[in-house]
Structure formats: structure tokens, C-alpha cells
């Protein structure tokens, strides 16, 4: 029967203290490590929610160097782990340093088991609450950002990046193929920023003729040219206090690049036909599907403007690289368009989902959206087939048998790790987070000995 006690990892090299800890904290499933390598191996194997860490570890127990290295590695591998640093008496500076590095708490040695037990109980309760909050956040919303639907780990990391960038004033450059959701992310940067109550102004640099683009961006004074019947502010000025989104910045005409560069440096503009400098406080977000470095090499884009725009660069992966997102988005689109067209009962047949998962989607989300919209209108009955989508049926359906999927994943992981460590069993077991006997069993099962 599985041990249902919460797992507590104690990093301690004193064998006498280990015995005392095991006896004092028997309400936990206590596991021990006596050095940094063993601690990381146990962390990978058991994934404990709480760790106690003696800062004085071999090979130099009188120094805290190894302890702080261990703390750094633990938090890098498992940032949500609650680490309680155990320090010598009156060791205030090291305790504060541990907290600054991300430790949950610190405790002086020698300790009273009852008091340390209270700290451990509190740490476990907090870890459980945070885990529940994360579960509810994922379950209650399709995405951490409004308007974005994803469960791909890479895209979720990108969402966290957007959330960190949003409160800043850094100029952000969004790079990605057409239809990957660049404007959705630009709007998220605005909504999550302190400028959310101001305007979000978007302009597509490729959609406006070169002769009109300067007036659209910078505005013009009355009489500046034929037809200028009144003074008109431009998009940059209109976005004052808010966010300016310059889509397809790679298509900005070369003469305008110099004028935009001056604005980014000085944060002032001059309307066409005007002489007054107008200060503008605006956060600039740009996007393009083009390779700006290639444009710079060919003379189509200014290098100094590129470095001004790319204070922070966000690379958006195409839909074909987002695991499971095509099917997830397809379900969301069929619900939306089904409601709009009075066909709420529409569902996908298995061959349709297989075809969606196998298609490369060169037009990304925009192509998928149009494909689903057309199928909702044209489908006979209450199911959408691969034929309705206009996609080629997949000859062999993908296997979702959990045992088969798990075996194949384990086989691939063992193969990669064994190659990485050149056949060293001990290192391979440590990287995989399993014991050596378990690794031998896997090697035998997959015929890899």
C-alpha cells in the first residue's frame, strides 16, 4: 500500500541528527540526502513539497558554499518547493541570504523538534494551497491570458513572459508567422499593464500606402498638403498615455524608419507641416513575420532602429509546434461558430480530429479558424468529418493507449539519457530521477542492455 504521508526531504550529513529527525517527524515520509548530488537526485525522484537544507554540507561542512549551491539548484529545478534553511546559531547573515535567494524560511540549529514541526506543517499547508490555486487557475480558464487558448508548455512559458513584461515600459518586439496571434499578445501586454485604462492604438504598416502612412502615424497640420482641411493628430499622438502597436513593422518604408527612430529616442513628434515638438508618453509594441536581420543585411531595415525596437524580443511558435493546440482550438472554434449559426450540437468525428492534428497549418490559427468556420456551415448532420474540413484523412489513427504512450516516452527518455551520459548507469539514474535497479529493469524491458 502506498505511503500517504507527505514526503519531506531533509538534506543533512550528520547521521546522529538524521536518526533524531526520522524519529521526531515520523508523521512525514522522511527521505535523506547527505550532499548536493544526492539531494538533487532525491528531489527529481520524489518531488517533495518541502525540503530542510543544512547549509553546511560536504566537502566543506564549515562553509556555506555548498549549501547555497544546493539551494540554488533546488529552486531552479522546482521553484515552488518550500526550502527551510537550517543555520548555526547567530548566523543571521546566511539566513537572510537564503531568504533573498528564495528559501521559504530559516531555522537555527540545534533546533527544538516541536517548533520546527510547526514550521514544517505550515510549509506543507501553504504548498498545498498554492497547488490547489494553480489547479483551479488552469481548470477555470483555457489560458492564463484572455483571448489566448493553449495548453502547450512552450506557449504557457511565453504567457508567463508576457505577464512579466506587461508592467514595464520596455519596447517589445513580437516575432512570429502570420496568424500566430501577435496582436492577441500585444493586447495582453496592454491589458496587464498600468496603462490598461488608456487607449490601445494599432496600425498595420503593410496595409497603408507609403504616401499616407506618415500622416497616419504622425498627423498633419491644416493646409500641410492638398486636402488637409483641418489639423489631425496621428496614431502616435492618439495613443498618448497608452500603448501603440505597430504591426508588420518590417514593411515600414525606409524614410519613415528614420522618423520613427527619432521619436523612440526623443519621445517627441512633429506633425506634417508643423514646427512644434509634441511630447508623447506611449509604450511601443511591434510585430512582424519577417526576418529583420535578413532585411538589415539587404539594406531594407535600419540596424539602429532594430536595436531600439528589440529591447525585449518574444518569439511566438507556429501552430504546428504547439503540442495539442490545434485540436484544442478546433473545439473552441466549433463551439463559437456553432452558436453563431444555430448548430450548437456539432461535434468532430475521430477522423476529423486526426486530420487536424496531422495537418501542418501553414496559415496557423487564422487558417484553422477559417477552416472550422467553413465546416460548421457546410457539414451535414451533427458531426464534422475530415472531408468537411477539406483535409486529407490520416491513414493510421494516433494511439492514445496510456500504457503504449508511457512505454514509448520512457523508452525515448532512457535512450536519450544513456547516450548523453555515455552509458554511465549511476548518472543516467540520477538524471531520470529513478533508482539504478529501476533503470536496469527499463533497459531489460526495452531490450537496450
Foldseek 3Di string as FASTA:
>chain_A
DDDPFAEEEEADQDPVVVVVVCVLPVSHNYDYHQFLLRSLLQCLQPVGQEYEFEQQGPPGSVDSVRRVVSLLVSCVVPVRRAYEYEYAPPPVVVQVVSVVSRHNYYHYPPDDSVVVVVVVVVSVVVSVVVVVVVVCCVVVDQAPFPPDHADFPVVNVLVVVLLVQLQDLAQEEEEEAAPLCQVSSVLRSFCNYPLVVADEFEDEQVPDDLVCVLCQAAWAAQPLDPPSNHGDGHRQQRRASGEYEYEAPLNHAPVVLVQVLVCLVVQWGAHRVGDDTHHGDYRYYYYHHDDVVVCVVVVSHPPSSVVSNPPDYRYRYFQLPGPPVQLVVLVVLLCVLCVVVVLNQADEDQQLSQQSNPDNPSNGPVLSNVLSNQLSVPPPDRYGHNVSSVTDGDPDRDDPPPVVVVLVVVVVLLVVLCVVVVNDQVSSSSVNSHDSVVSVVSCVVVVND
